[in-house]
Structures are given as structure tokens and as C-alpha cells.
PDB file of N, CA and C in Angstrom:
ATOM      1  N   LYS A   1     -25.440 -77.497  23.205  1.00  0.00           N
ATOM      2  CA  LYS A   1     -27.024 -78.438  22.845  1.00  0.00           C
ATOM      3  C   LYS A   1     -26.496 -76.515  21.934  1.00  0.00           C
ATOM      4  N   TYR A   2     -26.638 -76.057  21.793  1.00  0.00           N
ATOM      5  CA  TYR A   2     -26.766 -75.610  20.539  1.00  0.00           C
ATOM      6  C   TYR A   2     -25.886 -76.243  19.454  1.00  0.00           C
ATOM      7  N   LEU A   3     -24.551 -76.170  19.625  1.00  0.00           N
ATOM      8  CA  LEU A   3     -23.071 -76.439  18.472  1.00  0.00           C
ATOM      9  C   LEU A   3     -23.705 -77.524  17.651  1.00  0.00           C
ATOM     10  N   GLU A   4     -24.525 -78.786  18.586  1.00  0.00           N
ATOM     11  CA  GLU A   4     -25.313 -79.727  18.137  1.00  0.00           C
ATOM     12  C   GLU A   4     -26.113 -79.406  16.738  1.00  0.00           C
ATOM     13  N   THR A   5     -27.451 -78.661  18.039  1.00  0.00           N
ATOM     14  CA  THR A   5     -28.508 -78.569  16.162  1.00  0.00           C
ATOM     15  C   THR A   5     -27.950 -77.566  15.896  1.00  0.00           C
ATOM     16  N   ASP A   6     -27.202 -76.558  15.354  1.00  0.00           N
ATOM     17  CA  ASP A   6     -26.309 -75.461  14.586  1.00  0.00           C
ATOM     18  C   ASP A   6     -26.177 -76.283  13.411  1.00  0.00           C
ATOM     19  N   SER A   7     -26.438 -75.668  11.821  1.00  0.00           N
ATOM     20  CA  SER A   7     -26.860 -76.329  10.897  1.00  0.00           C
ATOM     21  C   SER A   7     -25.266 -75.999  10.215  1.00  0.00           C
ATOM     22  N   MET A   8     -23.998 -75.052  10.473  1.00  0.00           N
ATOM     23  CA  MET A   8     -22.854 -75.193  10.168  1.00  0.00           C
ATOM     24  C   MET A   8     -22.224 -77.040  10.341  1.00  0.00           C
ATOM     25  N   PRO A   9     -21.492 -76.867   9.281  1.00  0.00           N
ATOM     26  CA  PRO A   9     -20.738 -78.222   9.005  1.00  0.00           C
ATOM     27  C   PRO A   9     -19.222 -77.956  10.337  1.00  0.00           C
ATOM     28  N   ARG A  10     -19.326 -78.352  11.326  1.00  0.00           N
ATOM     29  CA  ARG A  10     -18.167 -78.716  12.243  1.00  0.00           C
ATOM     30  C   ARG A  10     -17.576 -80.511  11.966  1.00  0.00           C
ATOM     31  N   HIS A  11     -16.324 -80.407  12.852  1.00  0.00           N
ATOM     32  CA  HIS A  11     -16.153 -81.492  13.170  1.00  0.00           C
ATOM     33  C   HIS A  11     -16.897 -81.799  14.786  1.00  0.00           C
ATOM     34  N   LYS A  12     -16.687 -83.121  14.761  1.00  0.00           N
ATOM     35  CA  LYS A  12     -16.982 -83.152  16.499  1.00  0.00           C
ATOM     36  C   LYS A  12     -16.299 -83.368  17.085  1.00  0.00           C
ATOM     37  N   LYS A  13     -14.725 -83.246  16.852  1.00  0.00           N
ATOM     38  CA  LYS A  13     -14.484 -82.962  17.874  1.00  0.00           C
ATOM     39  C   LYS A  13     -13.265 -81.249  17.767  1.00  0.00           C
ATOM     40  N   ALA A  14     -14.580 -80.882  17.114  1.00  0.00           N
ATOM     41  CA  ALA A  14     -13.482 -79.607  17.197  1.00  0.00           C
ATOM     42  C   ALA A  14     -13.692 -78.656  18.804  1.00  0.00           C
ATOM     43  N   ALA A  15     -12.082 -78.071  18.604  1.00  0.00           N
ATOM     44  CA  ALA A  15     -11.650 -77.069  19.453  1.00  0.00           C
ATOM     45  C   ALA A  15     -13.125 -76.333  19.598  1.00  0.00           C
ATOM     46  N   ILE A  16     -13.609 -76.135  20.911  1.00  0.00           N
ATOM     47  CA  ILE A  16     -14.333 -75.052  21.581  1.00  0.00           C
ATOM     48  C   ILE A  16     -13.348 -73.993  22.890  1.00  0.00           C
ATOM     49  N   GLU A  17     -13.269 -73.075  22.373  1.00  0.00           N
ATOM     50  CA  GLU A  17     -12.680 -72.096  23.619  1.00  0.00           C
ATOM     51  C   GLU A  17     -13.459 -70.590  24.435  1.00  0.00           C
ATOM     52  N   VAL A  18     -13.429 -70.198  25.600  1.00  0.00           N
ATOM     53  CA  VAL A  18     -14.352 -69.396  25.678  1.00  0.00           C
ATOM     54  C   VAL A  18     -13.601 -68.650  25.992  1.00  0.00           C
ATOM     55  N   ILE A  19     -14.141 -67.218  26.011  1.00  0.00           N
ATOM     56  CA  ILE A  19     -13.402 -65.965  25.713  1.00  0.00           C
ATOM     57  C   ILE A  19     -14.080 -64.981  26.623  1.00  0.00           C
ATOM     58  N   TYR A  20     -13.105 -64.349  27.710  1.00  0.00           N
ATOM     59  CA  TYR A  20     -13.527 -63.427  28.266  1.00  0.00           C
ATOM     60  C   TYR A  20     -14.017 -61.837  28.286  1.00  0.00           C
ATOM     61  N   GLN A  21     -14.334 -60.974  28.565  1.00  0.00           N
ATOM     62  CA  GLN A  21     -14.365 -59.364  27.901  1.00  0.00           C
ATOM     63  C   GLN A  21     -13.247 -59.148  28.339  1.00  0.00           C
ATOM     64  N   GLY A  22     -12.510 -58.675  27.452  1.00  0.00           N
ATOM     65  CA  GLY A  22     -10.964 -57.567  28.351  1.00  0.00           C
ATOM     66  C   GLY A  22     -10.182 -58.944  27.947  1.00  0.00           C
ATOM     67  N   GLU A  23      -9.816 -59.964  27.961  1.00  0.00           N
ATOM     68  CA  GLU A  23      -8.907 -60.557  28.034  1.00  0.00           C
ATOM     69  C   GLU A  23      -8.836 -61.336  26.446  1.00  0.00           C
ATOM     70  N   GLU A  24      -9.190 -60.575  25.220  1.00  0.00           N
ATOM     71  CA  GLU A  24      -9.232 -61.129  24.366  1.00  0.00           C
ATOM     72  C   GLU A  24      -7.836 -61.207  23.985  1.00  0.00           C
ATOM     73  N   SER A  25      -7.653 -62.689  22.990  1.00  0.00           N
ATOM     74  CA  SER A  25      -6.153 -62.582  22.459  1.00  0.00           C
ATOM     75  C   SER A  25      -5.907 -61.755  21.650  1.00  0.00           C
ATOM     76  N   PRO A  26      -4.494 -61.439  20.875  1.00  0.00           N
ATOM     77  CA  PRO A  26      -4.457 -60.606  19.609  1.00  0.00           C
ATOM     78  C   PRO A  26      -5.092 -61.761  18.113  1.00  0.00           C
ATOM     79  N   PRO A  27      -4.718 -62.726  18.389  1.00  0.00           N
ATOM     80  CA  PRO A  27      -4.851 -63.603  17.003  1.00  0.00           C
ATOM     81  C   PRO A  27      -7.048 -64.025  17.062  1.00  0.00           C
ATOM     82  N   PHE A  28      -8.084 -63.503  18.597  1.00  0.00           N
ATOM     83  CA  PHE A  28      -8.601 -63.302  18.480  1.00  0.00           C
ATOM     84  C   PHE A  28      -9.436 -62.658  17.698  1.00  0.00           C
ATOM     85  N   LYS A  29      -8.305 -60.885  18.317  1.00  0.00           N
ATOM     86  CA  LYS A  29      -8.597 -59.738  17.712  1.00  0.00           C
ATOM     87  C   LYS A  29      -8.773 -59.577  16.945  1.00  0.00           C
ATOM     88  N   LYS A  30      -7.997 -59.976  15.565  1.00  0.00           N
ATOM     89  CA  LYS A  30      -7.988 -60.277  14.114  1.00  0.00           C
ATOM     90  C   LYS A  30      -8.460 -60.315  12.910  1.00  0.00           C
ATOM     91  N   LEU A  31      -9.938 -61.547  14.187  1.00  0.00           N
ATOM     92  CA  LEU A  31     -10.349 -62.367  13.600  1.00  0.00           C
ATOM     93  C   LEU A  31     -12.125 -60.550  12.725  1.00  0.00           C
ATOM     94  N   PHE A  32     -11.928 -59.472  13.976  1.00  0.00           N
ATOM     95  CA  PHE A  32     -12.440 -58.891  13.302  1.00  0.00           C
ATOM     96  C   PHE A  32     -11.448 -57.098  13.809  1.00  0.00           C
ATOM     97  N   GLN A  33     -12.394 -56.679  12.020  1.00  0.00           N
ATOM     98  CA  GLN A  33     -11.191 -56.173  11.038  1.00  0.00           C
ATOM     99  C   GLN A  33     -11.562 -54.280  11.588  1.00  0.00           C
ATOM    100  N   GLU A  34     -12.734 -54.156  11.988  1.00  0.00           N
ATOM    101  CA  GLU A  34     -13.102 -53.079  12.997  1.00  0.00           C
ATOM    102  C   GLU A  34     -13.202 -52.917  14.832  1.00  0.00           C
ATOM    103  N   TRP A  35     -12.300 -54.062  14.700  1.00  0.00           N
ATOM    104  CA  TRP A  35     -11.725 -54.279  16.507  1.00  0.00           C
ATOM    105  C   TRP A  35     -10.976 -52.924  17.338  1.00  0.00           C
ATOM    106  N   ASP A  36     -12.424 -52.507  17.773  1.00  0.00           N
ATOM    107  CA  ASP A  36     -12.528 -51.133  18.866  1.00  0.00           C
ATOM    108  C   ASP A  36     -11.649 -51.963  20.797  1.00  0.00           C
ATOM    109  N   GLU A  37     -10.812 -51.494  20.552  1.00  0.00           N
ATOM    110  CA  GLU A  37     -10.450 -51.766  21.818  1.00  0.00           C
ATOM    111  C   GLU A  37     -11.259 -50.975  23.202  1.00  0.00           C
ATOM    112  N   LYS A  38     -11.468 -49.913  22.990  1.00  0.00           N
ATOM    113  CA  LYS A  38     -12.041 -49.022  23.309  1.00  0.00           C
ATOM    114  C   LYS A  38     -13.971 -49.091  23.716  1.00  0.00           C
ATOM    115  N   LEU A  39     -14.369 -50.691  22.736  1.00  0.00           N
ATOM    116  CA  LEU A  39     -16.129 -50.105  22.618  1.00  0.00           C
ATOM    117  C   LEU A  39     -16.652 -50.547  24.319  1.00  0.00           C
ATOM    118  N   PHE A  40     -15.743 -50.217  24.560  1.00  0.00           N
ATOM    119  CA  PHE A  40     -16.993 -50.992  26.182  1.00  0.00           C
ATOM    120  C   PHE A  40     -16.079 -50.496  27.745  1.00  0.00           C
ATOM    121  N   LYS A  41     -15.393 -49.472  27.518  1.00  0.00           N
ATOM    122  CA  LYS A  41     -14.405 -49.216  28.191  1.00  0.00           C
ATOM    123  C   LYS A  41     -14.712 -47.549  28.522  1.00  0.00           C
ATOM    124  N   THR A  42     -16.147 -47.096  27.376  1.00  0.00           N
ATOM    125  CA  THR A  42     -16.372 -46.139  27.617  1.00  0.00           C
ATOM    126  C   THR A  42     -18.200 -46.314  28.304  1.00  0.00           C
ATOM    127  N   PRO A  43     -18.849 -45.399  28.530  1.00  0.00           N
ATOM    128  CA  PRO A  43     -19.945 -44.992  29.840  1.00  0.00           C
ATOM    129  C   PRO A  43     -20.808 -45.964  28.690  1.00  0.00           C
ATOM    130  N   ARG A  44     -22.133 -46.567  28.843  1.00  0.00           N
ATOM    131  CA  ARG A  44     -23.110 -47.125  27.697  1.00  0.00           C
ATOM    132  C   ARG A  44     -24.575 -45.871  27.596  1.00  0.00           C
ATOM    133  N   ASN A  45     -24.117 -44.561  27.389  1.00  0.00           N
ATOM    134  CA  ASN A  45     -24.698 -43.941  27.884  1.00  0.00           C
ATOM    135  C   ASN A  45     -26.284 -43.368  26.212  1.00  0.00           C
ATOM    136  N   VAL A  46     -26.883 -42.684  26.067  1.00  0.00           N
ATOM    137  CA  VAL A  46     -27.261 -42.787  24.592  1.00  0.00           C
ATOM    138  C   VAL A  46     -26.441 -42.280  23.260  1.00  0.00           C
ATOM    139  N   GLU A  47     -26.184 -41.316  23.825  1.00  0.00           N
ATOM    140  CA  GLU A  47     -24.956 -40.815  22.915  1.00  0.00           C
ATOM    141  C   GLU A  47     -24.269 -41.605  22.286  1.00  0.00           C
ATOM    142  N   ASN A  48     -23.387 -42.162  23.291  1.00  0.00           N
ATOM    143  CA  ASN A  48     -22.076 -43.466  23.161  1.00  0.00           C
ATOM    144  C   ASN A  48     -23.081 -44.249  21.835  1.00  0.00           C
ATOM    145  N   MET A  49     -24.679 -44.707  22.994  1.00  0.00           N
ATOM    146  CA  MET A  49     -25.201 -45.832  21.395  1.00  0.00           C
ATOM    147  C   MET A  49     -25.260 -45.356  20.147  1.00  0.00           C
ATOM    148  N   ARG A  50     -25.027 -44.206  20.238  1.00  0.00           N
ATOM    149  CA  ARG A  50     -25.865 -43.823  19.051  1.00  0.00           C
ATOM    150  C   ARG A  50     -24.765 -43.796  17.574  1.00  0.00           C
ATOM    151  N   LYS A  51     -23.930 -43.372  18.625  1.00  0.00           N
ATOM    152  CA  LYS A  51     -22.294 -43.034  17.737  1.00  0.00           C
ATOM    153  C   LYS A  51     -21.943 -44.961  16.989  1.00  0.00           C
ATOM    154  N   LEU A  52     -21.975 -45.753  18.250  1.00  0.00           N
ATOM    155  CA  LEU A  52     -21.719 -46.984  17.825  1.00  0.00           C
ATOM    156  C   LEU A  52     -22.922 -47.291  17.007  1.00  0.00           C
ATOM    157  N   LEU A  53     -24.213 -47.447  17.024  1.00  0.00           N
ATOM    158  CA  LEU A  53     -24.926 -47.996  15.935  1.00  0.00           C
ATOM    159  C   LEU A  53     -24.895 -47.328  14.749  1.00  0.00           C
ATOM    160  N   PHE A  54     -24.992 -46.212  15.100  1.00  0.00           N
ATOM    161  CA  PHE A  54     -25.072 -45.117  13.521  1.00  0.00           C
ATOM    162  C   PHE A  54     -23.896 -44.758  12.730  1.00  0.00           C
ATOM    163  N   LYS A  55     -22.851 -45.249  12.386  1.00  0.00           N
ATOM    164  CA  LYS A  55     -21.475 -44.683  11.674  1.00  0.00           C
ATOM    165  C   LYS A  55     -21.713 -44.948  10.951  1.00  0.00           C
TER     166      LYS A  55
END
């Protein structure tokens, strides 16, 4: 439903893939310049979140 109402132009037969956290392929990771393999492997405590948000 979201894709049907989104204003971004897409071909009606565009492929949609589901990517699960921790199973990202190398081509997918290349789309994100600052991909961090360790991001979700460290505990989410306040100090780690500050480092993440205020780099």
C-alpha cells in the first residue's frame, strides 16, 4: 500500500526485496557509504547511542 501512494516514480513491475537485519548482501551494503557491521552487535546503552547519534 505504501508503494502505491508514494510520490517517487517507480515502474509497476519493479522488484521488491525483503532484507533481514544481519543478512544484508555486499551489493546492498554498497548502497550505504558508511555501513557499520558492528552497529547492532553492540549493546544499546545510553553511551553507545550518544556515540551513534552525535558522531
